[in-house]
Amino acid sequence: MAGTLYVSGGDVLINSLAGNGVAPGSPIGAAVFPSDADYTPAAAVYQNHIIQVIGTLSAQRKLILPLVAGWHFVANQTTGSQAINVIGATGTGIVIANARGAFVWCDGTNFYRATADTVLSS
């Protein structure tokens, strides 16, 4: 049985969904610092709302994301006890400590912190 989708003035209401769709892939994009330098991930990473940052860093580095309005949860799981700076190519960003995660949002110009850093646990 098909669901009903209502769209009105930019608002979307879905009252039910059913079918034989393909399950989405992993909702986590892994931003792997390939070297100890600032990094701009591929679209396949930053299109996810959860970004897991891994790699070995000797100093704080920038995770450069596109300046598109929206939010992400960024998990800093790098080794070397270094923070990462989530920022766009221009504007201001926010710093997330090692072994911590935070919700960040972008207004199209700057990145902002939506939550305090949270301790990551497995």
PDB file of N, CA and C in Angstrom:
ATOM      1  N   MET A   1       0.853  -1.166   0.000  1.00  0.00           N
ATOM      2  CA  MET A   1       0.000   0.000   0.000  1.00  0.00           C
ATOM      3  C   MET A   1       0.895   1.224   0.000  1.00  0.00           C
ATOM      4  N   ALA A   2       0.620   2.137  -0.868  1.00  0.00           N
ATOM      5  CA  ALA A   2       1.441   3.340  -0.992  1.00  0.00           C
ATOM      6  C   ALA A   2       1.118   4.331   0.103  1.00  0.00           C
ATOM      7  N   GLY A   3       2.118   5.111   0.487  1.00  0.00           N
ATOM      8  CA  GLY A   3       1.916   6.167   1.466  1.00  0.00           C
ATOM      9  C   GLY A   3       1.450   7.438   0.785  1.00  0.00           C
ATOM     10  N   THR A   4       1.197   8.455   1.590  1.00  0.00           N
ATOM     11  CA  THR A   4       0.751   9.741   1.064  1.00  0.00           C
ATOM     12  C   THR A   4       1.772  10.802   1.432  1.00  0.00           C
ATOM     13  N   LEU A   5       2.134  11.591   0.462  1.00  0.00           N
ATOM     14  CA  LEU A   5       3.096  12.661   0.651  1.00  0.00           C
ATOM     15  C   LEU A   5       2.397  13.975   0.374  1.00  0.00           C
ATOM     16  N   TYR A   6       2.418  14.879   1.347  1.00  0.00           N
ATOM     17  CA  TYR A   6       1.820  16.195   1.185  1.00  0.00           C
ATOM     18  C   TYR A   6       2.925  17.244   1.191  1.00  0.00           C
ATOM     19  N   VAL A   7       2.896  18.154   0.232  1.00  0.00           N
ATOM     20  CA  VAL A   7       3.855  19.247   0.184  1.00  0.00           C
ATOM     21  C   VAL A   7       3.069  20.537   0.105  1.00  0.00           C
ATOM     22  N   SER A   8       3.359  21.448   1.033  1.00  0.00           N
ATOM     23  CA  SER A   8       2.640  22.712   1.063  1.00  0.00           C
ATOM     24  C   SER A   8       3.570  23.815   1.529  1.00  0.00           C
ATOM     25  N   GLY A   9       3.876  24.756   0.665  1.00  0.00           N
ATOM     26  CA  GLY A   9       4.699  25.901   1.045  1.00  0.00           C
ATOM     27  C   GLY A   9       6.059  25.527   1.596  1.00  0.00           C
ATOM     28  N   GLY A  10       6.649  24.464   1.112  1.00  0.00           N
ATOM     29  CA  GLY A  10       7.970  24.064   1.587  1.00  0.00           C
ATOM     30  C   GLY A  10       7.928  23.050   2.724  1.00  0.00           C
ATOM     31  N   ASP A  11       6.754  22.832   3.335  1.00  0.00           N
ATOM     32  CA  ASP A  11       6.615  21.836   4.396  1.00  0.00           C
ATOM     33  C   ASP A  11       6.249  20.493   3.773  1.00  0.00           C
ATOM     34  N   VAL A  12       6.776  19.429   4.341  1.00  0.00           N
ATOM     35  CA  VAL A  12       6.500  18.090   3.829  1.00  0.00           C
ATOM     36  C   VAL A  12       5.919  17.245   4.958  1.00  0.00           C
ATOM     37  N   LEU A  13       4.823  16.556   4.693  1.00  0.00           N
ATOM     38  CA  LEU A  13       4.198  15.650   5.652  1.00  0.00           C
ATOM     39  C   LEU A  13       4.049  14.297   4.981  1.00  0.00           C
ATOM     40  N   ILE A  14       4.565  13.262   5.613  1.00  0.00           N
ATOM     41  CA  ILE A  14       4.427  11.904   5.107  1.00  0.00           C
ATOM     42  C   ILE A  14       3.625  11.135   6.140  1.00  0.00           C
ATOM     43  N   ASN A  15       2.451  10.627   5.740  1.00  0.00           N
ATOM     44  CA  ASN A  15       1.642   9.932   6.726  1.00  0.00           C
ATOM     45  C   ASN A  15       1.981   8.452   6.836  1.00  0.00           C
ATOM     46  N   SER A  16       2.592   7.869   5.824  1.00  0.00           N
ATOM     47  CA  SER A  16       3.060   6.482   5.931  1.00  0.00           C
ATOM     48  C   SER A  16       3.919   6.156   4.724  1.00  0.00           C
ATOM     49  N   LEU A  17       4.795   5.201   4.908  1.00  0.00           N
ATOM     50  CA  LEU A  17       5.630   4.712   3.813  1.00  0.00           C
ATOM     51  C   LEU A  17       5.627   3.199   3.840  1.00  0.00           C
ATOM     52  N   ALA A  18       5.537   2.599   2.693  1.00  0.00           N
ATOM     53  CA  ALA A  18       5.630   1.155   2.591  1.00  0.00           C
ATOM     54  C   ALA A  18       6.181   0.831   1.213  1.00  0.00           C
ATOM     55  N   GLY A  19       6.795  -0.311   1.073  1.00  0.00           N
ATOM     56  CA  GLY A  19       7.287  -0.676  -0.245  1.00  0.00           C
ATOM     57  C   GLY A  19       8.516  -1.531  -0.167  1.00  0.00           C
ATOM     58  N   ASN A  20       9.127  -1.724  -1.310  1.00  0.00           N
ATOM     59  CA  ASN A  20      10.297  -2.585  -1.419  1.00  0.00           C
ATOM     60  C   ASN A  20      11.508  -1.760  -1.797  1.00  0.00           C
ATOM     61  N   GLY A  21      11.721  -0.671  -1.131  1.00  0.00           N
ATOM     62  CA  GLY A  21      12.841   0.207  -1.428  1.00  0.00           C
ATOM     63  C   GLY A  21      14.165  -0.405  -1.005  1.00  0.00           C
ATOM     64  N   VAL A  22      15.218   0.184  -1.463  1.00  0.00           N
ATOM     65  CA  VAL A  22      16.563  -0.248  -1.103  1.00  0.00           C
ATOM     66  C   VAL A  22      16.974   0.506   0.153  1.00  0.00           C
ATOM     67  N   ALA A  23      17.485  -0.219   1.122  1.00  0.00           N
ATOM     68  CA  ALA A  23      17.921   0.413   2.372  1.00  0.00           C
ATOM     69  C   ALA A  23      19.060   1.376   2.083  1.00  0.00           C
ATOM     70  N   PRO A  24      19.076   2.531   2.754  1.00  0.00           N
ATOM     71  CA  PRO A  24      20.162   3.479   2.528  1.00  0.00           C
ATOM     72  C   PRO A  24      21.476   2.921   3.045  1.00  0.00           C
ATOM     73  N   GLY A  25      22.559   3.460   2.536  1.00  0.00           N
ATOM     74  CA  GLY A  25      23.883   3.047   2.999  1.00  0.00           C
ATOM     75  C   GLY A  25      24.163   3.595   4.383  1.00  0.00           C
ATOM     76  N   SER A  26      25.357   3.454   4.822  1.00  0.00           N
ATOM     77  CA  SER A  26      25.755   3.920   6.150  1.00  0.00           C
ATOM     78  C   SER A  26      25.519   5.414   6.282  1.00  0.00           C
ATOM     79  N   PRO A  27      24.919   5.857   7.384  1.00  0.00           N
ATOM     80  CA  PRO A  27      24.689   7.281   7.573  1.00  0.00           C
ATOM     81  C   PRO A  27      25.932   8.014   8.056  1.00  0.00           C
ATOM     82  N   ILE A  28      27.042   7.294   8.199  1.00  0.00           N
ATOM     83  CA  ILE A  28      28.260   7.909   8.718  1.00  0.00           C
ATOM     84  C   ILE A  28      29.259   8.100   7.587  1.00  0.00           C
ATOM     85  N   GLY A  29      29.734   9.319   7.439  1.00  0.00           N
ATOM     86  CA  GLY A  29      30.788   9.608   6.477  1.00  0.00           C
ATOM     87  C   GLY A  29      32.107   9.664   7.219  1.00  0.00           C
ATOM     88  N   ALA A  30      33.110   8.951   6.762  1.00  0.00           N
ATOM     89  CA  ALA A  30      34.407   8.939   7.434  1.00  0.00           C
ATOM     90  C   ALA A  30      35.353   9.913   6.742  1.00  0.00           C
ATOM     91  N   ALA A  31      35.755  10.952   7.454  1.00  0.00           N
ATOM     92  CA  ALA A  31      36.729  11.909   6.937  1.00  0.00           C
ATOM     93  C   ALA A  31      38.093  11.465   7.423  1.00  0.00           C
ATOM     94  N   VAL A  32      38.855  10.848   6.563  1.00  0.00           N
ATOM     95  CA  VAL A  32      40.156  10.311   6.933  1.00  0.00           C
ATOM     96  C   VAL A  32      41.233  11.297   6.505  1.00  0.00           C
ATOM     97  N   PHE A  33      41.940  11.856   7.477  1.00  0.00           N
ATOM     98  CA  PHE A  33      43.038  12.755   7.145  1.00  0.00           C
ATOM     99  C   PHE A  33      44.142  11.902   6.510  1.00  0.00           C
ATOM    100  N   PRO A  34      44.360  12.016   5.191  1.00  0.00           N
ATOM    101  CA  PRO A  34      45.363  11.182   4.541  1.00  0.00           C
ATOM    102  C   PRO A  34      46.788  11.588   4.895  1.00  0.00           C
ATOM    103  N   SER A  35      46.955  12.795   5.350  1.00  0.00           N
ATOM    104  CA  SER A  35      48.271  13.263   5.800  1.00  0.00           C
ATOM    105  C   SER A  35      48.045  14.217   6.958  1.00  0.00           C
ATOM    106  N   ASP A  36      49.099  14.594   7.606  1.00  0.00           N
ATOM    107  CA  ASP A  36      49.014  15.477   8.768  1.00  0.00           C
ATOM    108  C   ASP A  36      48.906  16.922   8.291  1.00  0.00           C
ATOM    109  N   ALA A  37      47.743  17.248   7.694  1.00  0.00           N
ATOM    110  CA  ALA A  37      47.519  18.584   7.125  1.00  0.00           C
ATOM    111  C   ALA A  37      46.022  18.878   7.122  1.00  0.00           C
ATOM    112  N   ASP A  38      45.635  20.117   6.815  1.00  0.00           N
ATOM    113  CA  ASP A  38      44.220  20.458   6.687  1.00  0.00           C
ATOM    114  C   ASP A  38      43.596  19.572   5.610  1.00  0.00           C
ATOM    115  N   TYR A  39      42.271  19.322   5.736  1.00  0.00           N
ATOM    116  CA  TYR A  39      41.638  18.343   4.859  1.00  0.00           C
ATOM    117  C   TYR A  39      40.258  18.800   4.422  1.00  0.00           C
ATOM    118  N   THR A  40      39.989  18.671   3.126  1.00  0.00           N
ATOM    119  CA  THR A  40      38.666  18.908   2.560  1.00  0.00           C
ATOM    120  C   THR A  40      38.142  17.559   2.076  1.00  0.00           C
ATOM    121  N   PRO A  41      37.131  16.992   2.745  1.00  0.00           N
ATOM    122  CA  PRO A  41      36.647  15.663   2.362  1.00  0.00           C
ATOM    123  C   PRO A  41      35.833  15.696   1.068  1.00  0.00           C
ATOM    124  N   ALA A  42      35.674  14.522   0.471  1.00  0.00           N
ATOM    125  CA  ALA A  42      34.853  14.364  -0.728  1.00  0.00           C
ATOM    126  C   ALA A  42      33.377  14.499  -0.368  1.00  0.00           C
ATOM    127  N   ALA A  43      32.566  14.744  -1.386  1.00  0.00           N
ATOM    128  CA  ALA A  43      31.126  14.925  -1.191  1.00  0.00           C
ATOM    129  C   ALA A  43      30.484  13.728  -0.498  1.00  0.00           C
ATOM    130  N   ALA A  44      30.961  12.517  -0.774  1.00  0.00           N
ATOM    131  CA  ALA A  44      30.383  11.321  -0.152  1.00  0.00           C
ATOM    132  C   ALA A  44      30.497  11.361   1.357  1.00  0.00           C
ATOM    133  N   VAL A  45      31.455  12.110   1.885  1.00  0.00           N
ATOM    134  CA  VAL A  45      31.627  12.238   3.336  1.00  0.00           C
ATOM    135  C   VAL A  45      30.741  13.343   3.876  1.00  0.00           C
ATOM    136  N   TYR A  46      30.862  14.562   3.344  1.00  0.00           N
ATOM    137  CA  TYR A  46      30.152  15.681   3.958  1.00  0.00           C
ATOM    138  C   TYR A  46      28.658  15.712   3.648  1.00  0.00           C
ATOM    139  N   GLN A  47      28.188  14.872   2.749  1.00  0.00           N
ATOM    140  CA  GLN A  47      26.749  14.803   2.512  1.00  0.00           C
ATOM    141  C   GLN A  47      26.027  14.047   3.626  1.00  0.00           C
ATOM    142  N   ASN A  48      26.778  13.354   4.463  1.00  0.00           N
ATOM    143  CA  ASN A  48      26.208  12.677   5.629  1.00  0.00           C
ATOM    144  C   ASN A  48      26.112  13.670   6.785  1.00  0.00           C
ATOM    145  N   HIS A  49      25.152  13.462   7.646  1.00  0.00           N
ATOM    146  CA  HIS A  49      25.013  14.358   8.793  1.00  0.00           C
ATOM    147  C   HIS A  49      25.920  13.958   9.948  1.00  0.00           C
ATOM    148  N   ILE A  50      26.497  12.767   9.878  1.00  0.00           N
ATOM    149  CA  ILE A  50      27.440  12.319  10.897  1.00  0.00           C
ATOM    150  C   ILE A  50      28.790  12.126  10.217  1.00  0.00           C
ATOM    151  N   ILE A  51      29.790  12.852  10.700  1.00  0.00           N
ATOM    152  CA  ILE A  51      31.122  12.765  10.111  1.00  0.00           C
ATOM    153  C   ILE A  51      32.096  12.279  11.178  1.00  0.00           C
ATOM    154  N   GLN A  52      32.718  11.146  10.914  1.00  0.00           N
ATOM    155  CA  GLN A  52      33.708  10.560  11.819  1.00  0.00           C
ATOM    156  C   GLN A  52      35.085  10.938  11.289  1.00  0.00           C
ATOM    157  N   VAL A  53      35.846  11.689  12.075  1.00  0.00           N
ATOM    158  CA  VAL A  53      37.166  12.154  11.653  1.00  0.00           C
ATOM    159  C   VAL A  53      38.230  11.249  12.265  1.00  0.00           C
ATOM    160  N   ILE A  54      39.030  10.631  11.395  1.00  0.00           N
ATOM    161  CA  ILE A  54      40.076   9.731  11.862  1.00  0.00           C
ATOM    162  C   ILE A  54      41.396  10.079  11.173  1.00  0.00           C
ATOM    163  N   GLY A  55      42.486   9.621  11.750  1.00  0.00           N
ATOM    164  CA  GLY A  55      43.814   9.880  11.217  1.00  0.00           C
ATOM    165  C   GLY A  55      44.749  10.239  12.358  1.00  0.00           C
ATOM    166  N   THR A  56      46.014  10.395  12.057  1.00  0.00           N
ATOM    167  CA  THR A  56      47.004  10.767  13.056  1.00  0.00           C
ATOM    168  C   THR A  56      47.441  12.196  12.814  1.00  0.00           C
ATOM    169  N   LEU A  57      47.266  13.057  13.811  1.00  0.00           N
ATOM    170  CA  LEU A  57      47.599  14.473  13.686  1.00  0.00           C
ATOM    171  C   LEU A  57      48.635  14.868  14.724  1.00  0.00           C
ATOM    172  N   SER A  58      49.589  15.706  14.320  1.00  0.00           N
ATOM    173  CA  SER A  58      50.608  16.195  15.254  1.00  0.00           C
ATOM    174  C   SER A  58      50.282  17.598  15.755  1.00  0.00           C
ATOM    175  N   ALA A  59      49.286  18.231  15.138  1.00  0.00           N
ATOM    176  CA  ALA A  59      48.853  19.575  15.535  1.00  0.00           C
ATOM    177  C   ALA A  59      47.386  19.726  15.164  1.00  0.00           C
ATOM    178  N   GLN A  60      46.745  20.770  15.678  1.00  0.00           N
ATOM    179  CA  GLN A  60      45.355  21.022  15.309  1.00  0.00           C
ATOM    180  C   GLN A  60      45.273  21.266  13.810  1.00  0.00           C
ATOM    181  N   ARG A  61      44.302  20.635  13.157  1.00  0.00           N
ATOM    182  CA  ARG A  61      44.114  20.771  11.713  1.00  0.00           C
ATOM    183  C   ARG A  61      42.689  21.193  11.407  1.00  0.00           C
ATOM    184  N   LYS A  62      42.475  21.710  10.187  1.00  0.00           N
ATOM    185  CA  LYS A  62      41.150  22.138   9.747  1.00  0.00           C
ATOM    186  C   LYS A  62      40.457  21.020   8.980  1.00  0.00           C
ATOM    187  N   LEU A  63      39.178  20.799   9.306  1.00  0.00           N
ATOM    188  CA  LEU A  63      38.288  19.968   8.508  1.00  0.00           C
ATOM    189  C   LEU A  63      37.443  20.967   7.733  1.00  0.00           C
ATOM    190  N   ILE A  64      37.715  21.119   6.454  1.00  0.00           N
ATOM    191  CA  ILE A  64      37.094  22.169   5.655  1.00  0.00           C
ATOM    192  C   ILE A  64      35.857  21.613   4.952  1.00  0.00           C
ATOM    193  N   LEU A  65      34.695  22.114   5.351  1.00  0.00           N
ATOM    194  CA  LEU A  65      33.422  21.670   4.795  1.00  0.00           C
ATOM    195  C   LEU A  65      32.825  22.775   3.927  1.00  0.00           C
ATOM    196  N   PRO A  66      31.918  22.424   3.016  1.00  0.00           N
ATOM    197  CA  PRO A  66      31.298  23.452   2.178  1.00  0.00           C
ATOM    198  C   PRO A  66      30.418  24.386   3.004  1.00  0.00           C
ATOM    199  N   LEU A  67      30.343  25.624   2.585  1.00  0.00           N
ATOM    200  CA  LEU A  67      29.512  26.610   3.271  1.00  0.00           C
ATOM    201  C   LEU A  67      28.078  26.501   2.767  1.00  0.00           C
ATOM    202  N   VAL A  68      27.404  25.473   3.247  1.00  0.00           N
ATOM    203  CA  VAL A  68      26.017  25.198   2.893  1.00  0.00           C
ATOM    204  C   VAL A  68      25.223  25.154   4.191  1.00  0.00           C
ATOM    205  N   ALA A  69      24.111  25.862   4.241  1.00  0.00           N
ATOM    206  CA  ALA A  69      23.300  25.878   5.457  1.00  0.00           C
ATOM    207  C   ALA A  69      22.872  24.461   5.819  1.00  0.00           C
ATOM    208  N   GLY A  70      23.074  24.093   7.075  1.00  0.00           N
ATOM    209  CA  GLY A  70      22.704  22.764   7.544  1.00  0.00           C
ATOM    210  C   GLY A  70      23.512  22.385   8.767  1.00  0.00           C
ATOM    211  N   TRP A  71      23.373  21.141   9.197  1.00  0.00           N
ATOM    212  CA  TRP A  71      24.047  20.687  10.417  1.00  0.00           C
ATOM    213  C   TRP A  71      24.778  19.371  10.180  1.00  0.00           C
ATOM    214  N   HIS A  72      25.716  19.087  11.081  1.00  0.00           N
ATOM    215  CA  HIS A  72      26.459  17.832  11.107  1.00  0.00           C
ATOM    216  C   HIS A  72      26.753  17.488  12.562  1.00  0.00           C
ATOM    217  N   PHE A  73      26.935  16.191  12.836  1.00  0.00           N
ATOM    218  CA  PHE A  73      27.546  15.765  14.081  1.00  0.00           C
ATOM    219  C   PHE A  73      28.944  15.342  13.696  1.00  0.00           C
ATOM    220  N   VAL A  74      29.961  15.974  14.282  1.00  0.00           N
ATOM    221  CA  VAL A  74      31.351  15.670  13.951  1.00  0.00           C
ATOM    222  C   VAL A  74      31.992  14.976  15.146  1.00  0.00           C
ATOM    223  N   ALA A  75      32.518  13.771  14.905  1.00  0.00           N
ATOM    224  CA  ALA A  75      33.190  12.985  15.935  1.00  0.00           C
ATOM    225  C   ALA A  75      34.684  13.016  15.659  1.00  0.00           C
ATOM    226  N   ASN A  76      35.461  13.620  16.557  1.00  0.00           N
ATOM    227  CA  ASN A  76      36.911  13.701  16.410  1.00  0.00           C
ATOM    228  C   ASN A  76      37.537  12.463  17.036  1.00  0.00           C
ATOM    229  N   GLN A  77      37.858  11.482  16.216  1.00  0.00           N
ATOM    230  CA  GLN A  77      38.467  10.243  16.685  1.00  0.00           C
ATOM    231  C   GLN A  77      39.879  10.106  16.151  1.00  0.00           C
ATOM    232  N   THR A  78      40.579  11.226  16.039  1.00  0.00           N
ATOM    233  CA  THR A  78      41.958  11.209  15.569  1.00  0.00           C
ATOM    234  C   THR A  78      42.879  10.738  16.685  1.00  0.00           C
ATOM    235  N   THR A  79      44.055  10.276  16.303  1.00  0.00           N
ATOM    236  CA  THR A  79      45.064   9.920  17.289  1.00  0.00           C
ATOM    237  C   THR A  79      46.081  11.046  17.335  1.00  0.00           C
ATOM    238  N   GLY A  80      46.758  11.166  18.447  1.00  0.00           N
ATOM    239  CA  GLY A  80      47.721  12.246  18.628  1.00  0.00           C
ATOM    240  C   GLY A  80      47.201  13.332  19.544  1.00  0.00           C
ATOM    241  N   SER A  81      46.017  13.160  20.101  1.00  0.00           N
ATOM    242  CA  SER A  81      45.421  14.088  21.078  1.00  0.00           C
ATOM    243  C   SER A  81      45.256  15.512  20.552  1.00  0.00           C
ATOM    244  N   GLN A  82      44.968  15.650  19.254  1.00  0.00           N
ATOM    245  CA  GLN A  82      44.825  16.981  18.675  1.00  0.00           C
ATOM    246  C   GLN A  82      43.362  17.304  18.379  1.00  0.00           C
ATOM    247  N   ALA A  83      43.032  18.572  18.520  1.00  0.00           N
ATOM    248  CA  ALA A  83      41.697  19.053  18.186  1.00  0.00           C
ATOM    249  C   ALA A  83      41.589  19.267  16.677  1.00  0.00           C
ATOM    250  N   ILE A  84      40.353  19.370  16.196  1.00  0.00           N
ATOM    251  CA  ILE A  84      40.121  19.733  14.801  1.00  0.00           C
ATOM    252  C   ILE A  84      39.269  20.987  14.758  1.00  0.00           C
ATOM    253  N   ASN A  85      39.488  21.789  13.740  1.00  0.00           N
ATOM    254  CA  ASN A  85      38.735  23.020  13.537  1.00  0.00           C
ATOM    255  C   ASN A  85      37.789  22.787  12.368  1.00  0.00           C
ATOM    256  N   VAL A  86      36.487  22.746  12.638  1.00  0.00           N
ATOM    257  CA  VAL A  86      35.487  22.570  11.591  1.00  0.00           C
ATOM    258  C   VAL A  86      35.189  23.960  11.037  1.00  0.00           C
ATOM    259  N   ILE A  87      35.463  24.150   9.746  1.00  0.00           N
ATOM    260  CA  ILE A  87      35.404  25.484   9.159  1.00  0.00           C
ATOM    261  C   ILE A  87      35.105  25.364   7.673  1.00  0.00           C
ATOM    262  N   GLY A  88      34.666  26.446   7.068  1.00  0.00           N
ATOM    263  CA  GLY A  88      34.487  26.504   5.623  1.00  0.00           C
ATOM    264  C   GLY A  88      35.743  27.074   4.986  1.00  0.00           C
ATOM    265  N   ALA A  89      35.737  27.238   3.671  1.00  0.00           N
ATOM    266  CA  ALA A  89      36.891  27.808   2.976  1.00  0.00           C
ATOM    267  C   ALA A  89      37.125  29.254   3.414  1.00  0.00           C
ATOM    268  N   THR A  90      36.062  29.924   3.853  1.00  0.00           N
ATOM    269  CA  THR A  90      36.145  31.269   4.423  1.00  0.00           C
ATOM    270  C   THR A  90      35.283  31.288   5.674  1.00  0.00           C
ATOM    271  N   GLY A  91      35.319  32.364   6.403  1.00  0.00           N
ATOM    272  CA  GLY A  91      34.466  32.499   7.583  1.00  0.00           C
ATOM    273  C   GLY A  91      35.096  31.909   8.831  1.00  0.00           C
ATOM    274  N   THR A  92      34.278  31.755   9.855  1.00  0.00           N
ATOM    275  CA  THR A  92      34.746  31.244  11.135  1.00  0.00           C
ATOM    276  C   THR A  92      34.290  29.811  11.330  1.00  0.00           C
ATOM    277  N   GLY A  93      34.967  29.119  12.244  1.00  0.00           N
ATOM    278  CA  GLY A  93      34.634  27.735  12.526  1.00  0.00           C
ATOM    279  C   GLY A  93      34.641  27.473  14.011  1.00  0.00           C
ATOM    280  N   ILE A  94      34.558  26.198  14.369  1.00  0.00           N
ATOM    281  CA  ILE A  94      34.573  25.803  15.777  1.00  0.00           C
ATOM    282  C   ILE A  94      35.593  24.681  15.957  1.00  0.00           C
ATOM    283  N   VAL A  95      36.113  24.558  17.173  1.00  0.00           N
ATOM    284  CA  VAL A  95      37.129  23.560  17.485  1.00  0.00           C
ATOM    285  C   VAL A  95      36.500  22.448  18.310  1.00  0.00           C
ATOM    286  N   ILE A  96      36.778  21.201  17.910  1.00  0.00           N
ATOM    287  CA  ILE A  96      36.306  20.028  18.640  1.00  0.00           C
ATOM    288  C   ILE A  96      37.534  19.281  19.160  1.00  0.00           C
ATOM    289  N   ALA A  97      37.565  19.053  20.457  1.00  0.00           N
ATOM    290  CA  ALA A  97      38.695  18.373  21.101  1.00  0.00           C
ATOM    291  C   ALA A  97      38.784  16.915  20.659  1.00  0.00           C
ATOM    292  N   ASN A  98      39.953  16.321  20.838  1.00  0.00           N
ATOM    293  CA  ASN A  98      40.171  14.917  20.523  1.00  0.00           C
ATOM    294  C   ASN A  98      39.293  14.042  21.414  1.00  0.00           C
ATOM    295  N   ALA A  99      38.793  12.954  20.855  1.00  0.00           N
ATOM    296  CA  ALA A  99      37.930  11.993  21.560  1.00  0.00           C
ATOM    297  C   ALA A  99      36.616  12.622  22.000  1.00  0.00           C
ATOM    298  N   ARG A 100      36.192  13.649  21.277  1.00  0.00           N
ATOM    299  CA  ARG A 100      34.936  14.343  21.569  1.00  0.00           C
ATOM    300  C   ARG A 100      34.136  14.479  20.279  1.00  0.00           C
ATOM    301  N   GLY A 101      32.870  14.755  20.428  1.00  0.00           N
ATOM    302  CA  GLY A 101      31.993  15.010  19.289  1.00  0.00           C
ATOM    303  C   GLY A 101      31.095  16.184  19.609  1.00  0.00           C
ATOM    304  N   ALA A 102      30.573  16.834  18.581  1.00  0.00           N
ATOM    305  CA  ALA A 102      29.673  17.970  18.793  1.00  0.00           C
ATOM    306  C   ALA A 102      28.780  18.159  17.568  1.00  0.00           C
ATOM    307  N   PHE A 103      27.584  18.672  17.804  1.00  0.00           N
ATOM    308  CA  PHE A 103      26.727  19.101  16.706  1.00  0.00           C
ATOM    309  C   PHE A 103      27.180  20.487  16.291  1.00  0.00           C
ATOM    310  N   VAL A 104      27.364  20.669  14.998  1.00  0.00           N
ATOM    311  CA  VAL A 104      27.741  21.970  14.445  1.00  0.00           C
ATOM    312  C   VAL A 104      26.736  22.322  13.358  1.00  0.00           C
ATOM    313  N   TRP A 105      26.564  23.611  13.122  1.00  0.00           N
ATOM    314  CA  TRP A 105      25.674  24.026  12.045  1.00  0.00           C
ATOM    315  C   TRP A 105      26.298  25.179  11.283  1.00  0.00           C
ATOM    316  N   CYS A 106      25.878  25.296  10.042  1.00  0.00           N
ATOM    317  CA  CYS A 106      26.396  26.338   9.156  1.00  0.00           C
ATOM    318  C   CYS A 106      25.220  27.164   8.659  1.00  0.00           C
ATOM    319  N   ASP A 107      25.410  28.475   8.623  1.00  0.00           N
ATOM    320  CA  ASP A 107      24.376  29.359   8.097  1.00  0.00           C
ATOM    321  C   ASP A 107      24.659  29.761   6.652  1.00  0.00           C
ATOM    322  N   GLY A 108      25.641  29.114   6.032  1.00  0.00           N
ATOM    323  CA  GLY A 108      26.038  29.444   4.672  1.00  0.00           C
ATOM    324  C   GLY A 108      27.248  30.359   4.633  1.00  0.00           C
ATOM    325  N   THR A 109      27.629  30.882   5.801  1.00  0.00           N
ATOM    326  CA  THR A 109      28.781  31.793   5.887  1.00  0.00           C
ATOM    327  C   THR A 109      29.805  31.313   6.906  1.00  0.00           C
ATOM    328  N   ASN A 110      29.335  30.875   8.079  1.00  0.00           N
ATOM    329  CA  ASN A 110      30.199  30.454   9.186  1.00  0.00           C
ATOM    330  C   ASN A 110      29.684  29.150   9.774  1.00  0.00           C
ATOM    331  N   PHE A 111      30.566  28.453  10.508  1.00  0.00           N
ATOM    332  CA  PHE A 111      30.162  27.284  11.272  1.00  0.00           C
ATOM    333  C   PHE A 111      30.033  27.678  12.736  1.00  0.00           C
ATOM    334  N   TYR A 112      29.018  27.121  13.414  1.00  0.00           N
ATOM    335  CA  TYR A 112      28.731  27.417  14.810  1.00  0.00           C
ATOM    336  C   TYR A 112      28.578  26.123  15.584  1.00  0.00           C
ATOM    337  N   ARG A 113      28.797  26.207  16.873  1.00  0.00           N
ATOM    338  CA  ARG A 113      28.615  25.061  17.764  1.00  0.00           C
ATOM    339  C   ARG A 113      27.153  25.046  18.223  1.00  0.00           C
ATOM    340  N   ALA A 114      26.508  23.897  18.049  1.00  0.00           N
ATOM    341  CA  ALA A 114      25.134  23.735  18.533  1.00  0.00           C
ATOM    342  C   ALA A 114      25.119  23.076  19.910  1.00  0.00           C
ATOM    343  N   THR A 115      26.155  22.294  20.214  1.00  0.00           N
ATOM    344  CA  THR A 115      26.269  21.629  21.518  1.00  0.00           C
ATOM    345  C   THR A 115      27.705  21.713  22.000  1.00  0.00           C
ATOM    346  N   ALA A 116      27.869  21.540  23.278  1.00  0.00           N
ATOM    347  CA  ALA A 116      29.223  21.424  23.841  1.00  0.00           C
ATOM    348  C   ALA A 116      29.829  20.097  23.382  1.00  0.00           C
ATOM    349  N   ASP A 117      31.154  19.990  23.450  1.00  0.00           N
ATOM    350  CA  ASP A 117      31.816  18.728  23.126  1.00  0.00           C
ATOM    351  C   ASP A 117      31.294  17.635  24.060  1.00  0.00           C
ATOM    352  N   THR A 118      31.080  16.472  23.489  1.00  0.00           N
ATOM    353  CA  THR A 118      30.595  15.316  24.231  1.00  0.00           C
ATOM    354  C   THR A 118      31.640  14.223  24.169  1.00  0.00           C
ATOM    355  N   VAL A 119      31.872  13.539  25.280  1.00  0.00           N
ATOM    356  CA  VAL A 119      32.834  12.434  25.310  1.00  0.00           C
ATOM    357  C   VAL A 119      32.295  11.303  24.444  1.00  0.00           C
ATOM    358  N   LEU A 120      33.136  10.797  23.552  1.00  0.00           N
ATOM    359  CA  LEU A 120      32.753   9.669  22.697  1.00  0.00           C
ATOM    360  C   LEU A 120      33.044   8.372  23.423  1.00  0.00           C
ATOM    361  N   SER A 121      32.135   7.445  23.343  1.00  0.00           N
ATOM    362  CA  SER A 121      32.366   6.132  23.956  1.00  0.00           C
ATOM    363  C   SER A 121      31.925   5.072  22.967  1.00  0.00           C
ATOM    364  N   SER A 122      32.495   3.894  23.106  1.00  0.00           N
ATOM    365  CA  SER A 122      32.165   2.818  22.171  1.00  0.00           C
ATOM    366  C   SER A 122      31.097   1.921  22.733  1.00  0.00           C
TER     367      SER A 122
END
